[in-house]
N, C-alpha and C. Protein backbone atom coordinates (compact mmCIF):
# COMPACT_ATOMS: atom_id res chain seq x y z
N MET A 1 33.68 -58.55 -29.41
CA MET A 1 33.13 -57.44 -28.68
C MET A 1 32.28 -56.51 -29.54
N PRO A 2 31.99 -56.85 -30.77
CA PRO A 2 31.14 -55.95 -31.56
C PRO A 2 29.77 -55.77 -30.94
N ALA A 3 29.26 -56.78 -30.22
CA ALA A 3 27.95 -56.64 -29.59
C ALA A 3 28.01 -55.55 -28.51
N PHE A 4 29.14 -55.51 -27.78
CA PHE A 4 29.30 -54.49 -26.75
C PHE A 4 29.29 -53.10 -27.38
N ILE A 5 30.00 -52.94 -28.49
CA ILE A 5 30.07 -51.65 -29.17
C ILE A 5 28.71 -51.26 -29.72
N GLU A 6 27.96 -52.23 -30.26
CA GLU A 6 26.63 -51.94 -30.80
C GLU A 6 25.68 -51.49 -29.69
N GLU A 7 25.79 -52.08 -28.53
CA GLU A 7 24.97 -51.66 -27.38
C GLU A 7 25.32 -50.22 -26.98
N CYS A 8 26.63 -49.90 -27.04
CA CYS A 8 27.06 -48.54 -26.72
C CYS A 8 26.49 -47.55 -27.73
N ARG A 9 26.53 -47.90 -29.02
CA ARG A 9 25.99 -47.03 -30.07
C ARG A 9 24.49 -46.78 -29.83
N TYR A 10 23.79 -47.85 -29.49
CA TYR A 10 22.35 -47.73 -29.24
C TYR A 10 22.09 -46.74 -28.08
N GLU A 11 22.89 -46.86 -27.02
CA GLU A 11 22.72 -45.99 -25.86
C GLU A 11 23.07 -44.54 -26.21
N TRP A 12 24.14 -44.33 -27.00
CA TRP A 12 24.51 -42.97 -27.39
C TRP A 12 23.41 -42.34 -28.23
N LYS A 13 22.80 -43.12 -29.09
CA LYS A 13 21.71 -42.60 -29.91
C LYS A 13 20.53 -42.23 -29.02
N ARG A 14 20.23 -43.11 -28.06
CA ARG A 14 19.11 -42.86 -27.14
C ARG A 14 19.35 -41.59 -26.32
N LEU A 15 20.61 -41.32 -25.95
CA LEU A 15 20.96 -40.14 -25.15
C LEU A 15 21.06 -38.87 -25.99
N GLY A 16 21.02 -39.01 -27.30
CA GLY A 16 21.07 -37.83 -28.17
C GLY A 16 22.47 -37.38 -28.52
N VAL A 17 23.45 -38.28 -28.44
CA VAL A 17 24.82 -37.95 -28.82
C VAL A 17 24.84 -37.83 -30.35
N PRO A 18 25.43 -36.75 -30.90
CA PRO A 18 25.48 -36.59 -32.35
C PRO A 18 26.16 -37.82 -33.01
N ASN A 19 25.66 -38.20 -34.18
CA ASN A 19 26.17 -39.39 -34.88
C ASN A 19 27.68 -39.33 -35.10
N SER A 20 28.20 -38.15 -35.45
CA SER A 20 29.64 -38.05 -35.72
C SER A 20 30.44 -38.36 -34.44
N MET A 21 29.97 -37.88 -33.30
CA MET A 21 30.66 -38.15 -32.04
C MET A 21 30.50 -39.62 -31.64
N ALA A 22 29.32 -40.18 -31.87
CA ALA A 22 29.08 -41.59 -31.55
C ALA A 22 30.00 -42.47 -32.40
N ASP A 23 30.14 -42.14 -33.70
CA ASP A 23 31.03 -42.91 -34.58
C ASP A 23 32.48 -42.80 -34.09
N GLU A 24 32.87 -41.60 -33.69
CA GLU A 24 34.24 -41.39 -33.21
C GLU A 24 34.51 -42.19 -31.94
N MET A 25 33.55 -42.18 -30.99
CA MET A 25 33.74 -42.93 -29.73
C MET A 25 33.73 -44.42 -29.99
N ALA A 26 32.88 -44.88 -30.93
CA ALA A 26 32.83 -46.31 -31.24
C ALA A 26 34.16 -46.75 -31.86
N ALA A 27 34.71 -45.92 -32.77
CA ALA A 27 35.99 -46.25 -33.40
C ALA A 27 37.10 -46.25 -32.35
N GLU A 28 37.09 -45.32 -31.44
CA GLU A 28 38.10 -45.26 -30.39
C GLU A 28 38.00 -46.48 -29.48
N LEU A 29 36.78 -46.87 -29.13
CA LEU A 29 36.58 -48.04 -28.27
C LEU A 29 37.04 -49.30 -28.99
N GLU A 30 36.71 -49.40 -30.29
CA GLU A 30 37.12 -50.58 -31.07
C GLU A 30 38.65 -50.65 -31.16
N ALA A 31 39.29 -49.49 -31.35
CA ALA A 31 40.76 -49.46 -31.44
C ALA A 31 41.39 -49.84 -30.10
N ASP A 32 40.83 -49.36 -28.98
CA ASP A 32 41.35 -49.69 -27.64
C ASP A 32 41.23 -51.18 -27.37
N LEU A 33 40.09 -51.77 -27.79
CA LEU A 33 39.89 -53.20 -27.56
C LEU A 33 40.84 -54.03 -28.43
N ALA A 34 41.05 -53.59 -29.68
CA ALA A 34 41.96 -54.31 -30.58
C ALA A 34 43.39 -54.22 -30.05
N GLU A 35 43.81 -53.07 -29.58
CA GLU A 35 45.16 -52.88 -29.05
C GLU A 35 45.36 -53.73 -27.80
N ALA A 36 44.35 -53.81 -26.97
CA ALA A 36 44.43 -54.63 -25.76
C ALA A 36 44.57 -56.10 -26.12
N GLU A 37 43.86 -56.51 -27.18
CA GLU A 37 43.93 -57.92 -27.61
C GLU A 37 45.33 -58.25 -28.11
N VAL A 38 45.96 -57.31 -28.82
CA VAL A 38 47.32 -57.52 -29.31
C VAL A 38 48.28 -57.63 -28.13
N ASP A 39 48.07 -56.85 -27.10
CA ASP A 39 48.93 -56.88 -25.92
C ASP A 39 48.63 -58.07 -25.01
N GLY A 40 47.64 -58.85 -25.36
CA GLY A 40 47.30 -60.03 -24.57
C GLY A 40 46.37 -59.75 -23.39
N VAL A 41 45.75 -58.59 -23.40
CA VAL A 41 44.81 -58.22 -22.34
C VAL A 41 43.40 -58.47 -22.86
N SER A 42 42.61 -59.16 -22.07
CA SER A 42 41.24 -59.46 -22.53
C SER A 42 40.38 -58.20 -22.42
N ALA A 43 39.32 -58.19 -23.23
CA ALA A 43 38.38 -57.06 -23.22
C ALA A 43 37.71 -56.94 -21.86
N ALA A 44 37.47 -58.08 -21.21
CA ALA A 44 36.82 -58.07 -19.89
C ALA A 44 37.69 -57.34 -18.87
N GLU A 45 39.02 -57.45 -19.01
CA GLU A 45 39.91 -56.76 -18.08
C GLU A 45 39.85 -55.25 -18.28
N ILE A 46 39.67 -54.81 -19.50
CA ILE A 46 39.60 -53.38 -19.79
C ILE A 46 38.23 -52.82 -19.39
N LEU A 47 37.19 -53.53 -19.79
CA LEU A 47 35.83 -53.03 -19.55
C LEU A 47 35.29 -53.44 -18.18
N GLY A 48 35.89 -54.46 -17.59
CA GLY A 48 35.36 -54.97 -16.33
C GLY A 48 34.07 -55.71 -16.62
N GLU A 49 33.30 -55.93 -15.63
CA GLU A 49 32.00 -56.58 -15.80
C GLU A 49 30.95 -55.51 -16.05
N SER A 50 31.28 -54.59 -16.95
CA SER A 50 30.46 -53.41 -17.17
C SER A 50 29.24 -53.69 -18.03
N ASP A 51 28.19 -52.98 -17.72
CA ASP A 51 26.98 -52.97 -18.53
C ASP A 51 27.23 -52.01 -19.68
N PRO A 52 27.02 -52.41 -20.94
CA PRO A 52 27.32 -51.52 -22.08
C PRO A 52 26.58 -50.20 -22.01
N ARG A 53 25.34 -50.22 -21.58
CA ARG A 53 24.57 -48.96 -21.53
C ARG A 53 25.14 -48.01 -20.48
N ARG A 54 25.46 -48.54 -19.32
CA ARG A 54 26.02 -47.69 -18.27
C ARG A 54 27.39 -47.16 -18.70
N PHE A 55 28.21 -48.04 -19.33
CA PHE A 55 29.52 -47.64 -19.82
C PHE A 55 29.38 -46.50 -20.83
N ALA A 56 28.46 -46.64 -21.79
CA ALA A 56 28.27 -45.63 -22.84
C ALA A 56 27.78 -44.31 -22.24
N ALA A 57 26.83 -44.39 -21.30
CA ALA A 57 26.30 -43.17 -20.69
C ALA A 57 27.38 -42.44 -19.90
N THR A 58 28.19 -43.19 -19.16
CA THR A 58 29.26 -42.57 -18.37
C THR A 58 30.28 -41.90 -19.27
N TRP A 59 30.66 -42.59 -20.34
CA TRP A 59 31.66 -42.04 -21.27
C TRP A 59 31.13 -40.78 -21.94
N ALA A 60 29.86 -40.79 -22.38
CA ALA A 60 29.29 -39.62 -23.04
C ALA A 60 29.17 -38.44 -22.05
N THR A 61 28.85 -38.73 -20.82
CA THR A 61 28.73 -37.68 -19.80
C THR A 61 30.10 -37.08 -19.50
N GLU A 62 31.13 -37.93 -19.39
CA GLU A 62 32.49 -37.45 -19.11
C GLU A 62 33.01 -36.56 -20.23
N ARG A 63 32.60 -36.82 -21.45
CA ARG A 63 33.03 -35.99 -22.58
C ARG A 63 32.17 -34.74 -22.73
N GLY A 64 31.13 -34.61 -21.91
CA GLY A 64 30.28 -33.42 -21.96
C GLY A 64 29.28 -33.45 -23.10
N LEU A 65 29.00 -34.63 -23.62
CA LEU A 65 28.07 -34.74 -24.75
C LEU A 65 26.62 -34.84 -24.30
N VAL A 66 26.41 -35.22 -23.07
CA VAL A 66 25.05 -35.25 -22.51
C VAL A 66 25.12 -34.64 -21.11
N ALA A 67 24.03 -34.07 -20.71
CA ALA A 67 23.98 -33.47 -19.37
C ALA A 67 23.89 -34.59 -18.34
N GLU A 68 24.49 -34.32 -17.19
CA GLU A 68 24.39 -35.31 -16.12
C GLU A 68 22.95 -35.38 -15.65
N PRO A 69 22.49 -36.57 -15.41
CA PRO A 69 21.11 -36.68 -14.93
C PRO A 69 21.01 -36.05 -13.55
N PRO A 70 19.89 -35.40 -13.28
CA PRO A 70 19.74 -34.79 -11.96
C PRO A 70 19.78 -35.88 -10.89
N PRO A 71 20.34 -35.56 -9.74
CA PRO A 71 20.40 -36.58 -8.69
C PRO A 71 18.99 -37.00 -8.28
N LYS A 72 18.86 -38.27 -7.98
CA LYS A 72 17.56 -38.77 -7.57
C LYS A 72 17.18 -38.14 -6.25
N LYS A 73 15.93 -37.73 -6.17
CA LYS A 73 15.47 -37.15 -4.93
C LYS A 73 15.32 -38.28 -3.92
N SER A 74 15.83 -38.02 -2.76
CA SER A 74 15.74 -39.02 -1.70
C SER A 74 14.35 -39.00 -1.10
N ARG A 75 13.82 -40.14 -0.90
CA ARG A 75 12.51 -40.25 -0.27
C ARG A 75 12.65 -40.61 1.20
N LYS A 76 13.85 -40.43 1.70
CA LYS A 76 14.13 -40.77 3.09
C LYS A 76 13.24 -39.95 4.03
N GLY A 77 13.14 -38.64 3.78
CA GLY A 77 12.31 -37.78 4.63
C GLY A 77 10.85 -38.18 4.59
N LEU A 78 10.38 -38.58 3.40
CA LEU A 78 9.00 -39.02 3.27
C LEU A 78 8.75 -40.26 4.12
N TRP A 79 9.68 -41.21 4.06
CA TRP A 79 9.52 -42.45 4.83
C TRP A 79 9.60 -42.19 6.32
N ILE A 80 10.48 -41.28 6.73
CA ILE A 80 10.59 -40.95 8.15
C ILE A 80 9.29 -40.30 8.63
N GLY A 81 8.79 -39.34 7.86
CA GLY A 81 7.53 -38.69 8.21
C GLY A 81 6.37 -39.66 8.27
N LEU A 82 6.32 -40.57 7.30
CA LEU A 82 5.26 -41.57 7.29
C LEU A 82 5.37 -42.48 8.50
N GLY A 83 6.60 -42.87 8.85
CA GLY A 83 6.80 -43.72 10.03
C GLY A 83 6.37 -43.03 11.31
N VAL A 84 6.76 -41.75 11.46
CA VAL A 84 6.38 -41.00 12.66
C VAL A 84 4.86 -40.85 12.72
N GLY A 85 4.24 -40.58 11.58
CA GLY A 85 2.79 -40.46 11.54
C GLY A 85 2.10 -41.74 11.95
N LEU A 86 2.60 -42.87 11.45
CA LEU A 86 1.99 -44.15 11.82
C LEU A 86 2.16 -44.45 13.31
N VAL A 87 3.34 -44.12 13.83
CA VAL A 87 3.55 -44.33 15.27
C VAL A 87 2.57 -43.49 16.07
N LEU A 88 2.38 -42.23 15.66
CA LEU A 88 1.44 -41.38 16.38
C LEU A 88 0.02 -41.92 16.30
N VAL A 89 -0.36 -42.41 15.13
CA VAL A 89 -1.71 -42.92 14.97
C VAL A 89 -1.93 -44.18 15.78
N PHE A 90 -0.99 -45.13 15.71
CA PHE A 90 -1.21 -46.42 16.35
C PHE A 90 -0.77 -46.48 17.80
N VAL A 91 0.09 -45.57 18.24
CA VAL A 91 0.53 -45.58 19.63
C VAL A 91 0.03 -44.35 20.37
N GLY A 92 0.17 -43.19 19.76
CA GLY A 92 -0.18 -41.93 20.43
C GLY A 92 -1.65 -41.79 20.72
N LEU A 93 -2.51 -42.03 19.73
CA LEU A 93 -3.94 -41.85 19.94
C LEU A 93 -4.50 -42.80 21.00
N PRO A 94 -4.17 -44.10 20.97
CA PRO A 94 -4.66 -44.96 22.06
C PRO A 94 -4.11 -44.53 23.42
N ALA A 95 -2.86 -44.05 23.45
CA ALA A 95 -2.29 -43.60 24.73
C ALA A 95 -3.07 -42.39 25.25
N PHE A 96 -3.38 -41.43 24.39
CA PHE A 96 -4.16 -40.28 24.82
C PHE A 96 -5.56 -40.69 25.26
N ALA A 97 -6.13 -41.67 24.58
CA ALA A 97 -7.46 -42.15 24.97
C ALA A 97 -7.40 -42.78 26.35
N LEU A 98 -6.35 -43.56 26.62
CA LEU A 98 -6.23 -44.18 27.93
C LEU A 98 -5.98 -43.14 29.01
N ILE A 99 -5.21 -42.13 28.70
CA ILE A 99 -4.97 -41.06 29.67
C ILE A 99 -6.28 -40.35 29.99
N GLY A 100 -7.05 -40.08 28.97
CA GLY A 100 -8.35 -39.43 29.17
C GLY A 100 -9.29 -40.28 29.99
N VAL A 101 -9.30 -41.59 29.76
CA VAL A 101 -10.17 -42.49 30.51
C VAL A 101 -9.70 -42.60 31.94
N GLY A 102 -8.39 -42.67 32.14
CA GLY A 102 -7.84 -42.86 33.48
C GLY A 102 -7.86 -41.61 34.34
N SER A 103 -8.14 -40.44 33.77
CA SER A 103 -8.07 -39.22 34.56
C SER A 103 -9.40 -38.82 35.15
N GLY A 104 -10.42 -39.64 35.01
CA GLY A 104 -11.73 -39.32 35.59
C GLY A 104 -11.67 -39.42 37.10
N SER A 105 -12.68 -38.86 37.75
CA SER A 105 -12.72 -38.92 39.21
C SER A 105 -13.79 -39.90 39.64
N VAL A 106 -13.58 -40.51 40.79
CA VAL A 106 -14.53 -41.46 41.34
C VAL A 106 -15.36 -40.72 42.35
N SER A 107 -16.66 -40.86 42.27
CA SER A 107 -17.55 -40.19 43.20
C SER A 107 -18.48 -41.22 43.82
N THR A 108 -18.68 -41.12 45.13
CA THR A 108 -19.59 -42.05 45.79
C THR A 108 -20.98 -41.47 45.89
N VAL A 109 -21.16 -40.24 45.43
CA VAL A 109 -22.48 -39.61 45.45
C VAL A 109 -23.27 -40.12 44.26
N ASN A 110 -24.47 -40.56 44.51
CA ASN A 110 -25.32 -41.04 43.42
C ASN A 110 -26.06 -39.86 42.83
N SER A 111 -25.52 -39.29 41.80
CA SER A 111 -26.18 -38.19 41.12
C SER A 111 -25.84 -38.28 39.64
N LEU A 112 -26.65 -37.61 38.85
CA LEU A 112 -26.42 -37.65 37.40
C LEU A 112 -25.22 -36.82 37.00
N GLN A 113 -24.98 -35.70 37.70
CA GLN A 113 -23.85 -34.85 37.38
C GLN A 113 -22.96 -34.71 38.61
N PRO A 114 -21.70 -35.17 38.51
CA PRO A 114 -20.83 -35.03 39.68
C PRO A 114 -20.54 -33.56 39.94
N GLN A 115 -20.46 -33.18 41.19
CA GLN A 115 -20.17 -31.81 41.55
C GLN A 115 -18.72 -31.72 41.98
N ARG A 116 -18.07 -30.68 41.54
CA ARG A 116 -16.68 -30.46 41.93
C ARG A 116 -16.68 -29.60 43.19
N VAL A 117 -15.81 -29.95 44.09
CA VAL A 117 -15.69 -29.21 45.34
C VAL A 117 -14.50 -28.26 45.20
N ARG A 118 -14.73 -27.00 45.60
CA ARG A 118 -13.67 -26.01 45.55
C ARG A 118 -13.42 -25.51 46.95
N SER A 119 -12.16 -25.34 47.27
CA SER A 119 -11.78 -24.85 48.61
C SER A 119 -11.17 -23.48 48.47
N VAL A 120 -11.42 -22.65 49.48
CA VAL A 120 -10.79 -21.34 49.52
C VAL A 120 -10.53 -20.98 50.98
N VAL A 121 -9.39 -20.38 51.22
CA VAL A 121 -9.08 -19.86 52.54
C VAL A 121 -9.48 -18.39 52.54
N ILE A 122 -10.28 -18.01 53.46
CA ILE A 122 -10.76 -16.63 53.52
C ILE A 122 -9.60 -15.73 53.91
N PRO A 123 -9.33 -14.71 53.07
CA PRO A 123 -8.23 -13.78 53.39
C PRO A 123 -8.57 -12.93 54.62
N ASN A 124 -7.55 -12.38 55.20
CA ASN A 124 -7.73 -11.46 56.33
C ASN A 124 -7.88 -10.05 55.76
N PHE A 125 -9.09 -9.49 55.88
CA PHE A 125 -9.38 -8.16 55.36
C PHE A 125 -9.25 -7.08 56.43
N ILE A 126 -9.06 -7.46 57.68
CA ILE A 126 -9.04 -6.50 58.79
C ILE A 126 -7.82 -5.58 58.63
N GLY A 127 -8.10 -4.28 58.72
CA GLY A 127 -7.06 -3.26 58.60
C GLY A 127 -6.94 -2.70 57.18
N MET A 128 -7.63 -3.31 56.22
CA MET A 128 -7.58 -2.82 54.83
C MET A 128 -8.68 -1.80 54.60
N LYS A 129 -8.51 -1.00 53.56
CA LYS A 129 -9.58 -0.10 53.14
C LYS A 129 -10.67 -0.96 52.49
N ALA A 130 -11.89 -0.54 52.58
CA ALA A 130 -13.05 -1.33 52.16
C ALA A 130 -12.99 -1.72 50.68
N CYS A 131 -12.68 -0.79 49.80
CA CYS A 131 -12.64 -1.09 48.35
C CYS A 131 -11.52 -2.07 48.02
N HIS A 132 -10.38 -1.94 48.68
CA HIS A 132 -9.27 -2.86 48.45
C HIS A 132 -9.64 -4.27 48.92
N ALA A 133 -10.26 -4.36 50.09
CA ALA A 133 -10.69 -5.66 50.61
C ALA A 133 -11.74 -6.29 49.68
N SER A 134 -12.65 -5.47 49.18
CA SER A 134 -13.70 -5.96 48.28
C SER A 134 -13.09 -6.52 46.99
N ARG A 135 -12.08 -5.84 46.44
CA ARG A 135 -11.44 -6.31 45.21
C ARG A 135 -10.73 -7.64 45.45
N ILE A 136 -10.03 -7.78 46.55
CA ILE A 136 -9.33 -9.05 46.86
C ILE A 136 -10.35 -10.17 47.03
N ALA A 137 -11.46 -9.90 47.68
CA ALA A 137 -12.50 -10.91 47.87
C ALA A 137 -13.05 -11.38 46.53
N ARG A 138 -13.32 -10.43 45.62
CA ARG A 138 -13.84 -10.81 44.30
C ARG A 138 -12.83 -11.64 43.53
N GLU A 139 -11.53 -11.34 43.64
CA GLU A 139 -10.50 -12.12 42.97
C GLU A 139 -10.44 -13.54 43.53
N SER A 140 -10.88 -13.73 44.78
CA SER A 140 -10.92 -15.06 45.39
C SER A 140 -12.27 -15.74 45.14
N LEU A 141 -13.08 -15.16 44.26
CA LEU A 141 -14.42 -15.64 43.90
C LEU A 141 -15.38 -15.61 45.09
N LEU A 142 -15.20 -14.62 45.95
CA LEU A 142 -16.10 -14.39 47.06
C LEU A 142 -16.95 -13.17 46.76
N LYS A 143 -18.15 -13.14 47.29
CA LYS A 143 -18.99 -11.96 47.15
C LYS A 143 -18.89 -11.15 48.42
N VAL A 144 -18.95 -9.85 48.29
CA VAL A 144 -18.89 -8.95 49.43
C VAL A 144 -20.22 -8.22 49.53
N ARG A 145 -20.74 -8.16 50.77
CA ARG A 145 -21.99 -7.42 50.96
C ARG A 145 -21.75 -5.98 50.55
N ARG A 146 -22.64 -5.41 49.81
CA ARG A 146 -22.46 -4.07 49.25
C ARG A 146 -22.38 -3.00 50.34
N PHE A 147 -21.63 -1.97 49.98
CA PHE A 147 -21.53 -0.79 50.84
C PHE A 147 -21.44 0.40 49.91
N PRO A 148 -21.82 1.58 50.40
CA PRO A 148 -21.82 2.77 49.53
C PRO A 148 -20.39 3.15 49.12
N LYS A 149 -20.26 3.69 47.93
CA LYS A 149 -18.95 4.14 47.42
C LYS A 149 -18.31 5.18 48.34
N SER A 150 -19.13 5.91 49.02
CA SER A 150 -18.59 6.94 49.91
C SER A 150 -17.82 6.31 51.07
N ARG A 151 -18.01 5.01 51.31
CA ARG A 151 -17.33 4.32 52.40
C ARG A 151 -16.09 3.56 51.91
N CYS A 152 -15.64 3.84 50.69
CA CYS A 152 -14.53 3.12 50.07
C CYS A 152 -13.25 3.22 50.90
N ASN A 153 -13.01 4.36 51.56
CA ASN A 153 -11.79 4.53 52.34
C ASN A 153 -11.95 4.12 53.80
N ALA A 154 -13.11 3.57 54.15
CA ALA A 154 -13.33 3.13 55.53
C ALA A 154 -12.47 1.90 55.79
N ILE A 155 -12.05 1.70 57.02
CA ILE A 155 -11.17 0.60 57.40
C ILE A 155 -12.02 -0.56 57.90
N VAL A 156 -11.65 -1.79 57.47
CA VAL A 156 -12.34 -3.00 57.90
C VAL A 156 -11.88 -3.32 59.31
N VAL A 157 -12.84 -3.46 60.26
CA VAL A 157 -12.49 -3.77 61.64
C VAL A 157 -12.92 -5.17 62.04
N ALA A 158 -13.81 -5.79 61.26
CA ALA A 158 -14.25 -7.16 61.55
C ALA A 158 -14.78 -7.76 60.25
N GLN A 159 -14.85 -9.08 60.22
CA GLN A 159 -15.36 -9.75 59.01
C GLN A 159 -15.98 -11.09 59.38
N ARG A 160 -16.92 -11.53 58.55
CA ARG A 160 -17.50 -12.86 58.67
C ARG A 160 -17.53 -13.47 57.29
N PRO A 161 -17.11 -14.67 57.06
CA PRO A 161 -16.46 -15.63 57.93
C PRO A 161 -15.12 -15.08 58.43
N THR A 162 -14.61 -15.68 59.47
CA THR A 162 -13.39 -15.22 60.11
C THR A 162 -12.20 -15.42 59.18
N PRO A 163 -11.15 -14.62 59.37
CA PRO A 163 -9.96 -14.77 58.53
C PRO A 163 -9.37 -16.17 58.66
N HIS A 164 -8.83 -16.65 57.59
CA HIS A 164 -8.13 -17.94 57.48
C HIS A 164 -9.07 -19.14 57.62
N SER A 165 -10.38 -18.92 57.52
CA SER A 165 -11.32 -20.04 57.53
C SER A 165 -11.21 -20.77 56.19
N LEU A 166 -11.35 -22.09 56.23
CA LEU A 166 -11.31 -22.89 55.01
C LEU A 166 -12.76 -23.20 54.63
N LEU A 167 -13.14 -22.75 53.46
CA LEU A 167 -14.51 -23.00 52.97
C LEU A 167 -14.45 -23.92 51.76
N GLN A 168 -15.38 -24.83 51.71
CA GLN A 168 -15.50 -25.71 50.54
C GLN A 168 -16.94 -25.63 50.07
N TRP A 169 -17.10 -25.52 48.76
CA TRP A 169 -18.44 -25.50 48.22
C TRP A 169 -18.40 -26.00 46.79
N PRO A 170 -19.53 -26.47 46.32
CA PRO A 170 -19.59 -26.89 44.90
C PRO A 170 -19.37 -25.70 44.00
N ARG A 171 -18.86 -25.99 42.86
CA ARG A 171 -18.56 -24.95 41.88
C ARG A 171 -19.82 -24.16 41.56
N GLY A 172 -19.70 -22.87 41.54
CA GLY A 172 -20.82 -22.02 41.19
C GLY A 172 -21.46 -21.39 42.42
N ALA A 173 -21.33 -22.01 43.56
CA ALA A 173 -21.88 -21.42 44.78
C ALA A 173 -20.96 -20.31 45.25
N HIS A 174 -21.51 -19.30 45.91
CA HIS A 174 -20.70 -18.17 46.37
C HIS A 174 -20.88 -17.98 47.87
N THR A 175 -19.82 -17.57 48.51
CA THR A 175 -19.88 -17.21 49.92
C THR A 175 -19.87 -15.69 49.99
N ILE A 176 -20.76 -15.14 50.80
CA ILE A 176 -20.82 -13.69 50.96
C ILE A 176 -20.01 -13.33 52.19
N VAL A 177 -19.07 -12.42 52.00
CA VAL A 177 -18.23 -11.94 53.08
C VAL A 177 -18.87 -10.63 53.59
N LYS A 178 -19.05 -10.56 54.90
CA LYS A 178 -19.60 -9.34 55.51
C LYS A 178 -18.45 -8.60 56.20
N LEU A 179 -18.30 -7.36 55.80
CA LEU A 179 -17.22 -6.53 56.36
C LEU A 179 -17.84 -5.49 57.29
N GLN A 180 -17.26 -5.33 58.47
CA GLN A 180 -17.69 -4.25 59.38
C GLN A 180 -16.69 -3.13 59.22
N LEU A 181 -17.20 -1.94 58.89
CA LEU A 181 -16.33 -0.81 58.55
C LEU A 181 -16.37 0.23 59.66
N ARG A 182 -15.26 0.96 59.80
CA ARG A 182 -15.18 2.10 60.72
C ARG A 182 -14.59 3.26 59.94
N GLY A 183 -15.13 4.41 60.20
CA GLY A 183 -14.57 5.61 59.61
C GLY A 183 -15.30 6.14 58.43
């Protein structure tokens, strides 16, 4: 077993164990192996199938002669992130592209730019004050025929288009609501 002890010495030197301590550990190991041989126990039974370098490093660490090596950083998170990224690139992007392609509208009108149709139900302005009715109409994207500010508190008695009418028009077009006021 002198080869095993020499490998241990080499490892202790590499780890920076002081020579006096390395000599002491080598002598102790040699004495333990010799005693085991006298008792009829083989060196392999004492040392196991141990690697001399690993054995020497463990023994020196247990005695506090070398600092424990820092734990290896796990790259598990890196691999998980990389896997998720690849899935997004190879599955997510084509899926989004297909969703974008499939969400188009079909139009039978032969034109260069398809027009979107918007529907609105005309609110009932009858009985409201003129300024309040005008504000509600503008919020519904309707235009109201102008009236003087002095008529703001006048009551709406009639309107065109009629209340609850359903209007459809291409985007950008406006319907003008005419209010008949009293008061």
